[in-house]
Amino acid sequence: MKIAVIGIVIEKDRGAAGAVNEILSDYGDYIVGRMGVPDKSRDIYVISVIVKATNEIISAMTGKLGRISTVTVKSAVTSVEV
């Protein structure tokens, strides 16, 4: 298992937040921490998630998040084994 940071940006459609939260809930056992920062004036919502998981689990989670139309996802996976 590795430590990773996943950055999630939701643009223009706050309704996508429900789908994002559902996926994050599905992977809740791997989430170490989470922080959300809304910029309501620009209709942009940013969520950073720290996870402890295998590369396969991280890829599966980011893949599901990335398939949501108004969501952009980037991940940084460390080389730290935990």
C-alpha atoms as a PDB file:
ATOM      1  CA  MET A   1       0.000   0.000   0.000  1.00  0.00           C
ATOM      2  CA  LYS A   2       1.140   3.532  -0.761  1.00  0.00           C
ATOM      3  CA  ILE A   3       0.260   7.047   0.307  1.00  0.00           C
ATOM      4  CA  ALA A   4      -1.313   9.182  -2.434  1.00  0.00           C
ATOM      5  CA  VAL A   5      -2.882  12.603  -2.764  1.00  0.00           C
ATOM      6  CA  ILE A   6      -5.852  12.897  -5.096  1.00  0.00           C
ATOM      7  CA  GLY A   7      -6.955  16.312  -6.311  1.00  0.00           C
ATOM      8  CA  ILE A   8     -10.549  16.630  -7.497  1.00  0.00           C
ATOM      9  CA  VAL A   9     -11.960  19.740  -9.209  1.00  0.00           C
ATOM     10  CA  ILE A  10     -15.687  20.045  -9.863  1.00  0.00           C
ATOM     11  CA  GLU A  11     -16.577  22.796 -12.343  1.00  0.00           C
ATOM     12  CA  LYS A  12     -19.908  24.459 -13.086  1.00  0.00           C
ATOM     13  CA  ASP A  13     -22.111  21.642 -11.864  1.00  0.00           C
ATOM     14  CA  ARG A  14     -22.383  21.314  -8.112  1.00  0.00           C
ATOM     15  CA  GLY A  15     -24.722  18.393  -8.765  1.00  0.00           C
ATOM     16  CA  ALA A  16     -21.665  16.260  -9.577  1.00  0.00           C
ATOM     17  CA  ALA A  17     -20.681  16.541  -5.904  1.00  0.00           C
ATOM     18  CA  GLY A  18     -23.211  13.850  -5.023  1.00  0.00           C
ATOM     19  CA  ALA A  19     -21.616  11.371  -7.425  1.00  0.00           C
ATOM     20  CA  VAL A  20     -18.135  12.308  -6.175  1.00  0.00           C
ATOM     21  CA  ASN A  21     -19.174  11.837  -2.554  1.00  0.00           C
ATOM     22  CA  GLU A  22     -20.729   8.465  -3.348  1.00  0.00           C
ATOM     23  CA  ILE A  23     -17.478   7.210  -4.892  1.00  0.00           C
ATOM     24  CA  LEU A  24     -15.417   8.601  -2.012  1.00  0.00           C
ATOM     25  CA  SER A  25     -17.762   6.887   0.417  1.00  0.00           C
ATOM     26  CA  ASP A  26     -17.275   3.575  -1.429  1.00  0.00           C
ATOM     27  CA  TYR A  27     -13.515   3.935  -0.883  1.00  0.00           C
ATOM     28  CA  GLY A  28     -13.824   5.338   2.646  1.00  0.00           C
ATOM     29  CA  ASP A  29     -11.744   2.558   4.212  1.00  0.00           C
ATOM     30  CA  TYR A  30      -8.694   3.854   2.309  1.00  0.00           C
ATOM     31  CA  ILE A  31      -9.172   7.583   2.954  1.00  0.00           C
ATOM     32  CA  VAL A  32      -6.867   9.055   5.594  1.00  0.00           C
ATOM     33  CA  GLY A  33      -7.992  12.677   5.243  1.00  0.00           C
ATOM     34  CA  ARG A  34     -10.077  14.973   3.091  1.00  0.00           C
ATOM     35  CA  MET A  35     -10.422  18.721   2.636  1.00  0.00           C
ATOM     36  CA  GLY A  36     -12.876  20.610   0.446  1.00  0.00           C
ATOM     37  CA  VAL A  37     -12.593  24.242  -0.626  1.00  0.00           C
ATOM     38  CA  PRO A  38     -15.511  25.802  -2.497  1.00  0.00           C
ATOM     39  CA  ASP A  39     -15.171  28.887  -4.700  1.00  0.00           C
ATOM     40  CA  LYS A  40     -18.866  29.579  -5.136  1.00  0.00           C
ATOM     41  CA  SER A  41     -18.321  32.870  -6.967  1.00  0.00           C
ATOM     42  CA  ARG A  42     -16.597  30.973  -9.796  1.00  0.00           C
ATOM     43  CA  ASP A  43     -18.613  27.767  -9.454  1.00  0.00           C
ATOM     44  CA  ILE A  44     -15.500  25.676  -8.760  1.00  0.00           C
ATOM     45  CA  TYR A  45     -15.181  23.168  -5.931  1.00  0.00           C
ATOM     46  CA  VAL A  46     -11.828  21.614  -5.018  1.00  0.00           C
ATOM     47  CA  ILE A  47     -11.402  18.496  -2.896  1.00  0.00           C
ATOM     48  CA  SER A  48      -8.073  17.018  -1.829  1.00  0.00           C
ATOM     49  CA  VAL A  49      -8.038  13.468  -0.544  1.00  0.00           C
ATOM     50  CA  ILE A  50      -5.172  11.584   1.081  1.00  0.00           C
ATOM     51  CA  VAL A  51      -5.415   7.824   0.684  1.00  0.00           C
ATOM     52  CA  LYS A  52      -3.467   4.779   1.821  1.00  0.00           C
ATOM     53  CA  ALA A  53      -4.108   2.058  -0.774  1.00  0.00           C
ATOM     54  CA  THR A  54      -2.627  -0.109  -3.498  1.00  0.00           C
ATOM     55  CA  ASN A  55      -1.952   1.323  -6.952  1.00  0.00           C
ATOM     56  CA  GLU A  56      -4.872  -0.700  -8.295  1.00  0.00           C
ATOM     57  CA  ILE A  57      -7.323   0.765  -5.792  1.00  0.00           C
ATOM     58  CA  ILE A  58      -6.057   4.306  -6.385  1.00  0.00           C
ATOM     59  CA  SER A  59      -6.418   3.821 -10.153  1.00  0.00           C
ATOM     60  CA  ALA A  60      -9.921   2.391  -9.794  1.00  0.00           C
ATOM     61  CA  MET A  61     -11.052   5.298  -7.614  1.00  0.00           C
ATOM     62  CA  THR A  62      -9.555   8.009  -9.826  1.00  0.00           C
ATOM     63  CA  GLY A  63     -10.916   6.290 -12.936  1.00  0.00           C
ATOM     64  CA  LYS A  64     -14.453   6.342 -11.572  1.00  0.00           C
ATOM     65  CA  LEU A  65     -14.121   9.966 -10.498  1.00  0.00           C
ATOM     66  CA  GLY A  66     -12.673  10.962 -13.870  1.00  0.00           C
ATOM     67  CA  ARG A  67     -15.683   9.558 -15.725  1.00  0.00           C
ATOM     68  CA  ILE A  68     -17.955  12.186 -14.171  1.00  0.00           C
ATOM     69  CA  SER A  69     -18.434  14.831 -16.863  1.00  0.00           C
ATOM     70  CA  THR A  70     -17.629  18.026 -14.921  1.00  0.00           C
ATOM     71  CA  VAL A  71     -14.876  16.520 -12.761  1.00  0.00           C
ATOM     72  CA  THR A  72     -11.109  16.703 -13.280  1.00  0.00           C
ATOM     73  CA  VAL A  73      -8.906  14.362 -11.235  1.00  0.00           C
ATOM     74  CA  LYS A  74      -5.151  14.183 -10.727  1.00  0.00           C
ATOM     75  CA  SER A  75      -3.241  11.912  -8.393  1.00  0.00           C
ATOM     76  CA  ALA A  76       0.249  11.915  -6.946  1.00  0.00           C
ATOM     77  CA  VAL A  77       1.349   8.523  -5.645  1.00  0.00           C
ATOM     78  CA  THR A  78       4.382   8.448  -3.385  1.00  0.00           C
ATOM     79  CA  SER A  79       6.975   5.706  -3.295  1.00  0.00           C
ATOM     80  CA  VAL A  80       6.353   5.293   0.435  1.00  0.00           C
ATOM     81  CA  GLU A  81       5.224   1.766   1.280  1.00  0.00           C
ATOM     82  CA  VAL A  82       2.920   1.571   4.310  1.00  0.00           C
END
